mmCIF file of all heavy atoms, coordinates in Angstrom:
data_MODEL
# 
_entry.id   MODEL 
# 
loop_
_atom_site.group_PDB 
_atom_site.id 
_atom_site.type_symbol 
_atom_site.label_atom_id 
_atom_site.label_alt_id 
_atom_site.label_comp_id 
_atom_site.label_asym_id 
_atom_site.label_entity_id 
_atom_site.label_seq_id 
_atom_site.pdbx_PDB_ins_code 
_atom_site.Cartn_x 
_atom_site.Cartn_y 
_atom_site.Cartn_z 
_atom_site.occupancy 
_atom_site.B_iso_or_equiv 
_atom_site.pdbx_formal_charge 
_atom_site.auth_seq_id 
_atom_site.auth_comp_id 
_atom_site.auth_asym_id 
_atom_site.auth_atom_id 
_atom_site.pdbx_PDB_model_num 
ATOM 1   N N   . ALA A 1 1  ? 30.773 -9.115  34.281 1.00 0.00 ? 1  ALA A N   1 
ATOM 2   C CA  . ALA A 1 1  ? 31.073 -8.272  35.446 1.00 0.00 ? 1  ALA A CA  1 
ATOM 3   C C   . ALA A 1 1  ? 32.564 -7.976  35.529 1.00 0.00 ? 1  ALA A C   1 
ATOM 4   O O   . ALA A 1 1  ? 32.975 -6.839  35.813 1.00 0.00 ? 1  ALA A O   1 
ATOM 5   C CB  . ALA A 1 1  ? 30.587 -8.951  36.722 1.00 0.00 ? 1  ALA A CB  1 
ATOM 6   N N   . LEU A 1 2  ? 33.387 -8.985  35.269 1.00 0.00 ? 2  LEU A N   1 
ATOM 7   C CA  . LEU A 1 2  ? 34.832 -8.780  35.345 1.00 0.00 ? 2  LEU A CA  1 
ATOM 8   C C   . LEU A 1 2  ? 35.318 -7.872  34.233 1.00 0.00 ? 2  LEU A C   1 
ATOM 9   O O   . LEU A 1 2  ? 36.187 -7.012  34.455 1.00 0.00 ? 2  LEU A O   1 
ATOM 10  C CB  . LEU A 1 2  ? 35.530 -10.142 35.270 1.00 0.00 ? 2  LEU A CB  1 
ATOM 11  C CG  . LEU A 1 2  ? 37.039 -10.150 35.509 1.00 0.00 ? 2  LEU A CG  1 
ATOM 12  C CD1 . LEU A 1 2  ? 37.383 -9.603  36.875 1.00 0.00 ? 2  LEU A CD1 1 
ATOM 13  C CD2 . LEU A 1 2  ? 37.586 -11.585 35.356 1.00 0.00 ? 2  LEU A CD2 1 
ATOM 14  N N   . ARG A 1 3  ? 34.768 -8.010  33.054 1.00 0.00 ? 3  ARG A N   1 
ATOM 15  C CA  . ARG A 1 3  ? 35.151 -7.119  31.948 1.00 0.00 ? 3  ARG A CA  1 
ATOM 16  C C   . ARG A 1 3  ? 34.851 -5.678  32.303 1.00 0.00 ? 3  ARG A C   1 
ATOM 17  O O   . ARG A 1 3  ? 35.664 -4.776  32.055 1.00 0.00 ? 3  ARG A O   1 
ATOM 18  C CB  . ARG A 1 3  ? 34.409 -7.516  30.673 1.00 0.00 ? 3  ARG A CB  1 
ATOM 19  C CG  . ARG A 1 3  ? 34.839 -6.707  29.450 1.00 0.00 ? 3  ARG A CG  1 
ATOM 20  C CD  . ARG A 1 3  ? 34.058 -7.120  28.234 1.00 0.00 ? 3  ARG A CD  1 
ATOM 21  N NE  . ARG A 1 3  ? 32.677 -6.652  28.255 1.00 0.00 ? 3  ARG A NE  1 
ATOM 22  C CZ  . ARG A 1 3  ? 31.755 -7.032  27.382 1.00 0.00 ? 3  ARG A CZ  1 
ATOM 23  N NH1 . ARG A 1 3  ? 32.058 -7.903  26.425 1.00 0.00 ? 3  ARG A NH1 1 
ATOM 24  N NH2 . ARG A 1 3  ? 30.531 -6.556  27.454 1.00 0.00 ? 3  ARG A NH2 1 
ATOM 25  N N   . SER A 1 4  ? 33.710 -5.423  32.886 1.00 0.00 ? 4  SER A N   1 
ATOM 26  C CA  . SER A 1 4  ? 33.371 -4.073  33.309 1.00 0.00 ? 4  SER A CA  1 
ATOM 27  C C   . SER A 1 4  ? 34.361 -3.562  34.352 1.00 0.00 ? 4  SER A C   1 
ATOM 28  O O   . SER A 1 4  ? 34.776 -2.403  34.329 1.00 0.00 ? 4  SER A O   1 
ATOM 29  C CB  . SER A 1 4  ? 31.946 -4.046  33.870 1.00 0.00 ? 4  SER A CB  1 
ATOM 30  O OG  . SER A 1 4  ? 31.599 -2.757  34.329 1.00 0.00 ? 4  SER A OG  1 
ATOM 31  N N   . ALA A 1 5  ? 34.768 -4.443  35.259 1.00 0.00 ? 5  ALA A N   1 
ATOM 32  C CA  . ALA A 1 5  ? 35.706 -4.050  36.307 1.00 0.00 ? 5  ALA A CA  1 
ATOM 33  C C   . ALA A 1 5  ? 37.086 -3.737  35.749 1.00 0.00 ? 5  ALA A C   1 
ATOM 34  O O   . ALA A 1 5  ? 37.841 -2.954  36.342 1.00 0.00 ? 5  ALA A O   1 
ATOM 35  C CB  . ALA A 1 5  ? 35.804 -5.153  37.353 1.00 0.00 ? 5  ALA A CB  1 
ATOM 36  N N   . PHE A 1 6  ? 37.459 -4.331  34.614 1.00 0.00 ? 6  PHE A N   1 
ATOM 37  C CA  . PHE A 1 6  ? 38.767 -4.111  34.011 1.00 0.00 ? 6  PHE A CA  1 
ATOM 38  C C   . PHE A 1 6  ? 38.889 -2.741  33.335 1.00 0.00 ? 6  PHE A C   1 
ATOM 39  O O   . PHE A 1 6  ? 40.000 -2.309  33.028 1.00 0.00 ? 6  PHE A O   1 
ATOM 40  C CB  . PHE A 1 6  ? 39.061 -5.193  32.975 1.00 0.00 ? 6  PHE A CB  1 
ATOM 41  C CG  . PHE A 1 6  ? 39.512 -6.510  33.541 1.00 0.00 ? 6  PHE A CG  1 
ATOM 42  C CD1 . PHE A 1 6  ? 39.555 -7.643  32.734 1.00 0.00 ? 6  PHE A CD1 1 
ATOM 43  C CD2 . PHE A 1 6  ? 39.914 -6.630  34.859 1.00 0.00 ? 6  PHE A CD2 1 
ATOM 44  C CE1 . PHE A 1 6  ? 39.975 -8.862  33.229 1.00 0.00 ? 6  PHE A CE1 1 
ATOM 45  C CE2 . PHE A 1 6  ? 40.334 -7.850  35.374 1.00 0.00 ? 6  PHE A CE2 1 
ATOM 46  C CZ  . PHE A 1 6  ? 40.366 -8.961  34.559 1.00 0.00 ? 6  PHE A CZ  1 
ATOM 47  N N   . THR A 1 7  ? 37.784 -2.084  33.067 1.00 0.00 ? 7  THR A N   1 
ATOM 48  C CA  . THR A 1 7  ? 37.843 -0.801  32.374 1.00 0.00 ? 7  THR A CA  1 
ATOM 49  C C   . THR A 1 7  ? 38.156 0.327   33.352 1.00 0.00 ? 7  THR A C   1 
ATOM 50  O O   . THR A 1 7  ? 37.925 0.212   34.556 1.00 0.00 ? 7  THR A O   1 
ATOM 51  C CB  . THR A 1 7  ? 36.516 -0.507  31.659 1.00 0.00 ? 7  THR A CB  1 
ATOM 52  O OG1 . THR A 1 7  ? 35.457 -0.437  32.624 1.00 0.00 ? 7  THR A OG1 1 
ATOM 53  C CG2 . THR A 1 7  ? 36.191 -1.604  30.659 1.00 0.00 ? 7  THR A CG2 1 
ATOM 54  N N   . GLY A 1 8  ? 38.693 1.413   32.825 1.00 0.00 ? 8  GLY A N   1 
ATOM 55  C CA  . GLY A 1 8  ? 39.007 2.559   33.669 1.00 0.00 ? 8  GLY A CA  1 
ATOM 56  C C   . GLY A 1 8  ? 40.376 2.491   34.318 1.00 0.00 ? 8  GLY A C   1 
ATOM 57  O O   . GLY A 1 8  ? 40.622 3.162   35.330 1.00 0.00 ? 8  GLY A O   1 
ATOM 58  N N   . SER A 1 9  ? 41.279 1.667   33.782 1.00 0.00 ? 9  SER A N   1 
ATOM 59  C CA  . SER A 1 9  ? 42.664 1.545   34.260 1.00 0.00 ? 9  SER A CA  1 
ATOM 60  C C   . SER A 1 9  ? 42.773 1.200   35.740 1.00 0.00 ? 9  SER A C   1 
ATOM 61  O O   . SER A 1 9  ? 43.500 1.843   36.506 1.00 0.00 ? 9  SER A O   1 
ATOM 62  C CB  . SER A 1 9  ? 43.443 2.838   33.977 1.00 0.00 ? 9  SER A CB  1 
ATOM 63  O OG  . SER A 1 9  ? 43.441 3.137   32.611 1.00 0.00 ? 9  SER A OG  1 
ATOM 64  N N   . PRO A 1 10 ? 42.071 0.190   36.212 1.00 0.00 ? 10 PRO A N   1 
ATOM 65  C CA  . PRO A 1 10 ? 42.182 -0.180  37.618 1.00 0.00 ? 10 PRO A CA  1 
ATOM 66  C C   . PRO A 1 10 ? 43.482 -0.922  37.905 1.00 0.00 ? 10 PRO A C   1 
ATOM 67  O O   . PRO A 1 10 ? 44.175 -1.394  36.998 1.00 0.00 ? 10 PRO A O   1 
ATOM 68  C CB  . PRO A 1 10 ? 40.987 -1.115  37.818 1.00 0.00 ? 10 PRO A CB  1 
ATOM 69  C CG  . PRO A 1 10 ? 40.849 -1.785  36.491 1.00 0.00 ? 10 PRO A CG  1 
ATOM 70  C CD  . PRO A 1 10 ? 41.170 -0.715  35.476 1.00 0.00 ? 10 PRO A CD  1 
ATOM 71  N N   . ARG A 1 11 ? 43.791 -1.028  39.186 1.00 0.00 ? 11 ARG A N   1 
ATOM 72  C CA  . ARG A 1 11 ? 44.892 -1.874  39.633 1.00 0.00 ? 11 ARG A CA  1 
ATOM 73  C C   . ARG A 1 11 ? 44.308 -3.272  39.875 1.00 0.00 ? 11 ARG A C   1 
ATOM 74  O O   . ARG A 1 11 ? 43.444 -3.451  40.733 1.00 0.00 ? 11 ARG A O   1 
ATOM 75  C CB  . ARG A 1 11 ? 45.506 -1.320  40.916 1.00 0.00 ? 11 ARG A CB  1 
ATOM 76  C CG  . ARG A 1 11 ? 46.115 0.075   40.741 1.00 0.00 ? 11 ARG A CG  1 
ATOM 77  C CD  . ARG A 1 11 ? 46.397 0.715   42.077 1.00 0.00 ? 11 ARG A CD  1 
ATOM 78  N NE  . ARG A 1 11 ? 45.151 0.889   42.845 1.00 0.00 ? 11 ARG A NE  1 
ATOM 79  C CZ  . ARG A 1 11 ? 45.105 1.397   44.072 1.00 0.00 ? 11 ARG A CZ  1 
ATOM 80  N NH1 . ARG A 1 11 ? 46.223 1.777   44.683 1.00 0.00 ? 11 ARG A NH1 1 
ATOM 81  N NH2 . ARG A 1 11 ? 43.948 1.527   44.696 1.00 0.00 ? 11 ARG A NH2 1 
ATOM 82  N N   . VAL A 1 12 ? 44.800 -4.246  39.112 1.00 0.00 ? 12 VAL A N   1 
ATOM 83  C CA  . VAL A 1 12 ? 44.256 -5.604  39.143 1.00 0.00 ? 12 VAL A CA  1 
ATOM 84  C C   . VAL A 1 12 ? 45.307 -6.551  39.694 1.00 0.00 ? 12 VAL A C   1 
ATOM 85  O O   . VAL A 1 12 ? 46.457 -6.541  39.240 1.00 0.00 ? 12 VAL A O   1 
ATOM 86  C CB  . VAL A 1 12 ? 43.831 -6.068  37.737 1.00 0.00 ? 12 VAL A CB  1 
ATOM 87  C CG1 . VAL A 1 12 ? 43.378 -7.531  37.761 1.00 0.00 ? 12 VAL A CG1 1 
ATOM 88  C CG2 . VAL A 1 12 ? 42.722 -5.171  37.195 1.00 0.00 ? 12 VAL A CG2 1 
ATOM 89  N N   . VAL A 1 13 ? 44.916 -7.352  40.662 1.00 0.00 ? 13 VAL A N   1 
ATOM 90  C CA  . VAL A 1 13 ? 45.760 -8.434  41.150 1.00 0.00 ? 13 VAL A CA  1 
ATOM 91  C C   . VAL A 1 13 ? 45.077 -9.752  40.789 1.00 0.00 ? 13 VAL A C   1 
ATOM 92  O O   . VAL A 1 13 ? 43.915 -9.972  41.152 1.00 0.00 ? 13 VAL A O   1 
ATOM 93  C CB  . VAL A 1 13 ? 45.990 -8.352  42.668 1.00 0.00 ? 13 VAL A CB  1 
ATOM 94  C CG1 . VAL A 1 13 ? 46.741 -9.596  43.156 1.00 0.00 ? 13 VAL A CG1 1 
ATOM 95  C CG2 . VAL A 1 13 ? 46.774 -7.099  43.020 1.00 0.00 ? 13 VAL A CG2 1 
ATOM 96  N N   . VAL A 1 14 ? 45.799 -10.588 40.053 1.00 0.00 ? 14 VAL A N   1 
ATOM 97  C CA  . VAL A 1 14 ? 45.303 -11.914 39.678 1.00 0.00 ? 14 VAL A CA  1 
ATOM 98  C C   . VAL A 1 14 ? 46.017 -12.937 40.550 1.00 0.00 ? 14 VAL A C   1 
ATOM 99  O O   . VAL A 1 14 ? 47.243 -13.050 40.510 1.00 0.00 ? 14 VAL A O   1 
ATOM 100 C CB  . VAL A 1 14 ? 45.555 -12.216 38.191 1.00 0.00 ? 14 VAL A CB  1 
ATOM 101 C CG1 . VAL A 1 14 ? 45.046 -13.611 37.847 1.00 0.00 ? 14 VAL A CG1 1 
ATOM 102 C CG2 . VAL A 1 14 ? 44.880 -11.170 37.313 1.00 0.00 ? 14 VAL A CG2 1 
ATOM 103 N N   . ILE A 1 15 ? 45.251 -13.658 41.347 1.00 0.00 ? 15 ILE A N   1 
ATOM 104 C CA  . ILE A 1 15 ? 45.803 -14.690 42.219 1.00 0.00 ? 15 ILE A CA  1 
ATOM 105 C C   . ILE A 1 15 ? 45.649 -16.030 41.509 1.00 0.00 ? 15 ILE A C   1 
ATOM 106 O O   . ILE A 1 15 ? 44.544 -16.523 41.321 1.00 0.00 ? 15 ILE A O   1 
ATOM 107 C CB  . ILE A 1 15 ? 45.085 -14.715 43.574 1.00 0.00 ? 15 ILE A CB  1 
ATOM 108 C CG1 . ILE A 1 15 ? 45.153 -13.331 44.238 1.00 0.00 ? 15 ILE A CG1 1 
ATOM 109 C CG2 . ILE A 1 15 ? 45.690 -15.771 44.481 1.00 0.00 ? 15 ILE A CG2 1 
ATOM 110 C CD1 . ILE A 1 15 ? 44.299 -13.224 45.488 1.00 0.00 ? 15 ILE A CD1 1 
ATOM 111 N N   . GLY A 1 16 ? 46.767 -16.590 41.088 1.00 0.00 ? 16 GLY A N   1 
ATOM 112 C CA  . GLY A 1 16 ? 46.744 -17.837 40.338 1.00 0.00 ? 16 GLY A CA  1 
ATOM 113 C C   . GLY A 1 16 ? 47.231 -17.618 38.924 1.00 0.00 ? 16 GLY A C   1 
ATOM 114 O O   . GLY A 1 16 ? 46.738 -16.713 38.223 1.00 0.00 ? 16 GLY A O   1 
ATOM 115 N N   . THR A 1 17 ? 48.186 -18.422 38.484 1.00 0.00 ? 17 THR A N   1 
ATOM 116 C CA  . THR A 1 17 ? 48.812 -18.217 37.171 1.00 0.00 ? 17 THR A CA  1 
ATOM 117 C C   . THR A 1 17 ? 48.602 -19.425 36.270 1.00 0.00 ? 17 THR A C   1 
ATOM 118 O O   . THR A 1 17 ? 49.468 -19.772 35.467 1.00 0.00 ? 17 THR A O   1 
ATOM 119 C CB  . THR A 1 17 ? 50.320 -17.947 37.334 1.00 0.00 ? 17 THR A CB  1 
ATOM 120 O OG1 . THR A 1 17 ? 50.922 -19.054 38.028 1.00 0.00 ? 17 THR A OG1 1 
ATOM 121 C CG2 . THR A 1 17 ? 50.572 -16.676 38.116 1.00 0.00 ? 17 THR A CG2 1 
ATOM 122 N N   . GLY A 1 18 ? 47.423 -20.052 36.388 1.00 0.00 ? 18 GLY A N   1 
ATOM 123 C CA  . GLY A 1 18 ? 47.057 -21.118 35.467 1.00 0.00 ? 18 GLY A CA  1 
ATOM 124 C C   . GLY A 1 18 ? 46.428 -20.550 34.212 1.00 0.00 ? 18 GLY A C   1 
ATOM 125 O O   . GLY A 1 18 ? 46.609 -19.375 33.864 1.00 0.00 ? 18 GLY A O   1 
ATOM 126 N N   . TRP A 1 19 ? 45.643 -21.382 33.518 1.00 0.00 ? 19 TRP A N   1 
ATOM 127 C CA  . TRP A 1 19 ? 45.083 -20.967 32.233 1.00 0.00 ? 19 TRP A CA  1 
ATOM 128 C C   . TRP A 1 19 ? 44.103 -19.807 32.384 1.00 0.00 ? 19 TRP A C   1 
ATOM 129 O O   . TRP A 1 19 ? 44.174 -18.816 31.637 1.00 0.00 ? 19 TRP A O   1 
ATOM 130 C CB  . TRP A 1 19 ? 44.408 -22.158 31.555 1.00 0.00 ? 19 TRP A CB  1 
ATOM 131 C CG  . TRP A 1 19 ? 45.372 -23.257 31.261 1.00 0.00 ? 19 TRP A CG  1 
ATOM 132 C CD1 . TRP A 1 19 ? 45.468 -24.460 31.884 1.00 0.00 ? 19 TRP A CD1 1 
ATOM 133 C CD2 . TRP A 1 19 ? 46.427 -23.226 30.293 1.00 0.00 ? 19 TRP A CD2 1 
ATOM 134 N NE1 . TRP A 1 19 ? 46.516 -25.183 31.364 1.00 0.00 ? 19 TRP A NE1 1 
ATOM 135 C CE2 . TRP A 1 19 ? 47.113 -24.463 30.386 1.00 0.00 ? 19 TRP A CE2 1 
ATOM 136 C CE3 . TRP A 1 19 ? 46.857 -22.283 29.352 1.00 0.00 ? 19 TRP A CE3 1 
ATOM 137 C CZ2 . TRP A 1 19 ? 48.205 -24.771 29.578 1.00 0.00 ? 19 TRP A CZ2 1 
ATOM 138 C CZ3 . TRP A 1 19 ? 47.935 -22.592 28.540 1.00 0.00 ? 19 TRP A CZ3 1 
ATOM 139 C CH2 . TRP A 1 19 ? 48.596 -23.820 28.654 1.00 0.00 ? 19 TRP A CH2 1 
ATOM 140 N N   . ILE A 1 20 ? 43.191 -19.878 33.340 1.00 0.00 ? 20 ILE A N   1 
ATOM 141 C CA  . ILE A 1 20 ? 42.230 -18.796 33.516 1.00 0.00 ? 20 ILE A CA  1 
ATOM 142 C C   . ILE A 1 20 ? 42.941 -17.525 33.961 1.00 0.00 ? 20 ILE A C   1 
ATOM 143 O O   . ILE A 1 20 ? 42.671 -16.423 33.456 1.00 0.00 ? 20 ILE A O   1 
ATOM 144 C CB  . ILE A 1 20 ? 41.142 -19.195 34.533 1.00 0.00 ? 20 ILE A CB  1 
ATOM 145 C CG1 . ILE A 1 20 ? 40.292 -20.333 33.976 1.00 0.00 ? 20 ILE A CG1 1 
ATOM 146 C CG2 . ILE A 1 20 ? 40.252 -17.988 34.868 1.00 0.00 ? 20 ILE A CG2 1 
ATOM 147 C CD1 . ILE A 1 20 ? 39.529 -19.984 32.733 1.00 0.00 ? 20 ILE A CD1 1 
ATOM 148 N N   . GLY A 1 21 ? 43.867 -17.647 34.908 1.00 0.00 ? 21 GLY A N   1 
ATOM 149 C CA  . GLY A 1 21 ? 44.568 -16.467 35.388 1.00 0.00 ? 21 GLY A CA  1 
ATOM 150 C C   . GLY A 1 21 ? 45.363 -15.765 34.315 1.00 0.00 ? 21 GLY A C   1 
ATOM 151 O O   . GLY A 1 21 ? 45.323 -14.539 34.190 1.00 0.00 ? 21 GLY A O   1 
ATOM 152 N N   . THR A 1 22 ? 46.093 -16.529 33.489 1.00 0.00 ? 22 THR A N   1 
ATOM 153 C CA  . THR A 1 22 ? 46.909 -15.898 32.458 1.00 0.00 ? 22 THR A CA  1 
ATOM 154 C C   . THR A 1 22 ? 46.052 -15.301 31.346 1.00 0.00 ? 22 THR A C   1 
ATOM 155 O O   . THR A 1 22 ? 46.359 -14.214 30.826 1.00 0.00 ? 22 THR A O   1 
ATOM 156 C CB  . THR A 1 22 ? 47.927 -16.894 31.884 1.00 0.00 ? 22 THR A CB  1 
ATOM 157 O OG1 . THR A 1 22 ? 47.265 -18.112 31.506 1.00 0.00 ? 22 THR A OG1 1 
ATOM 158 C CG2 . THR A 1 22 ? 49.004 -17.217 32.903 1.00 0.00 ? 22 THR A CG2 1 
ATOM 159 N N   . GLU A 1 23 ? 44.981 -15.982 30.965 1.00 0.00 ? 23 GLU A N   1 
ATOM 160 C CA  . GLU A 1 23 ? 44.105 -15.412 29.937 1.00 0.00 ? 23 GLU A CA  1 
ATOM 161 C C   . GLU A 1 23 ? 43.423 -14.146 30.457 1.00 0.00 ? 23 GLU A C   1 
ATOM 162 O O   . GLU A 1 23 ? 43.281 -13.157 29.720 1.00 0.00 ? 23 GLU A O   1 
ATOM 163 C CB  . GLU A 1 23 ? 43.066 -16.438 29.495 1.00 0.00 ? 23 GLU A CB  1 
ATOM 164 C CG  . GLU A 1 23 ? 43.658 -17.569 28.658 1.00 0.00 ? 23 GLU A CG  1 
ATOM 165 C CD  . GLU A 1 23 ? 42.606 -18.536 28.136 1.00 0.00 ? 23 GLU A CD  1 
ATOM 166 O OE1 . GLU A 1 23 ? 41.406 -18.325 28.408 1.00 0.00 ? 23 GLU A OE1 1 
ATOM 167 O OE2 . GLU A 1 23 ? 42.977 -19.515 27.460 1.00 0.00 ? 23 GLU A OE2 1 
ATOM 168 N N   . ALA A 1 24 ? 43.000 -14.161 31.699 1.00 0.00 ? 24 ALA A N   1 
ATOM 169 C CA  . ALA A 1 24 ? 42.356 -12.972 32.267 1.00 0.00 ? 24 ALA A CA  1 
ATOM 170 C C   . ALA A 1 24 ? 43.341 -11.822 32.396 1.00 0.00 ? 24 ALA A C   1 
ATOM 171 O O   . ALA A 1 24 ? 42.986 -10.653 32.161 1.00 0.00 ? 24 ALA A O   1 
ATOM 172 C CB  . ALA A 1 24 ? 41.751 -13.305 33.632 1.00 0.00 ? 24 ALA A CB  1 
ATOM 173 N N   . ALA A 1 25 ? 44.586 -12.117 32.740 1.00 0.00 ? 25 ALA A N   1 
ATOM 174 C CA  . ALA A 1 25 ? 45.599 -11.065 32.822 1.00 0.00 ? 25 ALA A CA  1 
ATOM 175 C C   . ALA A 1 25 ? 45.812 -10.408 31.463 1.00 0.00 ? 25 ALA A C   1 
ATOM 176 O O   . ALA A 1 25 ? 45.949 -9.182  31.354 1.00 0.00 ? 25 ALA A O   1 
ATOM 177 C CB  . ALA A 1 25 ? 46.907 -11.644 33.353 1.00 0.00 ? 25 ALA A CB  1 
ATOM 178 N N   . ALA A 1 26 ? 45.840 -11.239 30.413 1.00 0.00 ? 26 ALA A N   1 
ATOM 179 C CA  . ALA A 1 26 ? 45.990 -10.682 29.066 1.00 0.00 ? 26 ALA A CA  1 
ATOM 180 C C   . ALA A 1 26 ? 44.811 -9.777  28.712 1.00 0.00 ? 26 ALA A C   1 
ATOM 181 O O   . ALA A 1 26 ? 44.986 -8.714  28.109 1.00 0.00 ? 26 ALA A O   1 
ATOM 182 C CB  . ALA A 1 26 ? 46.120 -11.817 28.047 1.00 0.00 ? 26 ALA A CB  1 
ATOM 183 N N   . ALA A 1 27 ? 43.611 -10.183 29.091 1.00 0.00 ? 27 ALA A N   1 
ATOM 184 C CA  . ALA A 1 27 ? 42.431 -9.358  28.824 1.00 0.00 ? 27 ALA A CA  1 
ATOM 185 C C   . ALA A 1 27 ? 42.478 -8.059  29.620 1.00 0.00 ? 27 ALA A C   1 
ATOM 186 O O   . ALA A 1 27 ? 42.130 -6.987  29.104 1.00 0.00 ? 27 ALA A O   1 
ATOM 187 C CB  . ALA A 1 27 ? 41.161 -10.136 29.154 1.00 0.00 ? 27 ALA A CB  1 
ATOM 188 N N   . ALA A 1 28 ? 42.909 -8.138  30.866 1.00 0.00 ? 28 ALA A N   1 
ATOM 189 C CA  . ALA A 1 28 ? 43.003 -6.929  31.690 1.00 0.00 ? 28 ALA A CA  1 
ATOM 190 C C   . ALA A 1 28 ? 43.992 -5.941  31.092 1.00 0.00 ? 28 ALA A C   1 
ATOM 191 O O   . ALA A 1 28 ? 43.735 -4.724  31.054 1.00 0.00 ? 28 ALA A O   1 
ATOM 192 C CB  . ALA A 1 28 ? 43.406 -7.300  33.107 1.00 0.00 ? 28 ALA A CB  1 
ATOM 193 N N   . ARG A 1 29 ? 45.127 -6.427  30.611 1.00 0.00 ? 29 ARG A N   1 
ATOM 194 C CA  . ARG A 1 29 ? 46.093 -5.526  29.967 1.00 0.00 ? 29 ARG A CA  1 
ATOM 195 C C   . ARG A 1 29 ? 45.511 -4.955  28.675 1.00 0.00 ? 29 ARG A C   1 
ATOM 196 O O   . ARG A 1 29 ? 45.763 -3.791  28.344 1.00 0.00 ? 29 ARG A O   1 
ATOM 197 C CB  . ARG A 1 29 ? 47.391 -6.297  29.667 1.00 0.00 ? 29 ARG A CB  1 
ATOM 198 C CG  . ARG A 1 29 ? 48.209 -6.627  30.903 1.00 0.00 ? 29 ARG A CG  1 
ATOM 199 C CD  . ARG A 1 29 ? 48.690 -5.374  31.623 1.00 0.00 ? 29 ARG A CD  1 
ATOM 200 N NE  . ARG A 1 29 ? 49.559 -4.576  30.762 1.00 0.00 ? 29 ARG A NE  1 
ATOM 201 C CZ  . ARG A 1 29 ? 49.539 -3.245  30.695 1.00 0.00 ? 29 ARG A CZ  1 
ATOM 202 N NH1 . ARG A 1 29 ? 48.675 -2.545  31.409 1.00 0.00 ? 29 ARG A NH1 1 
ATOM 203 N NH2 . ARG A 1 29 ? 50.371 -2.618  29.893 1.00 0.00 ? 29 ARG A NH2 1 
# 
């Protein structure tokens, strides 16, 4: 579900900069 949400150049805010947050931010970019 999150991967689908990352498509289409959305504005993404990641709350939390631990391992999951940083890996997800890299995927979103």
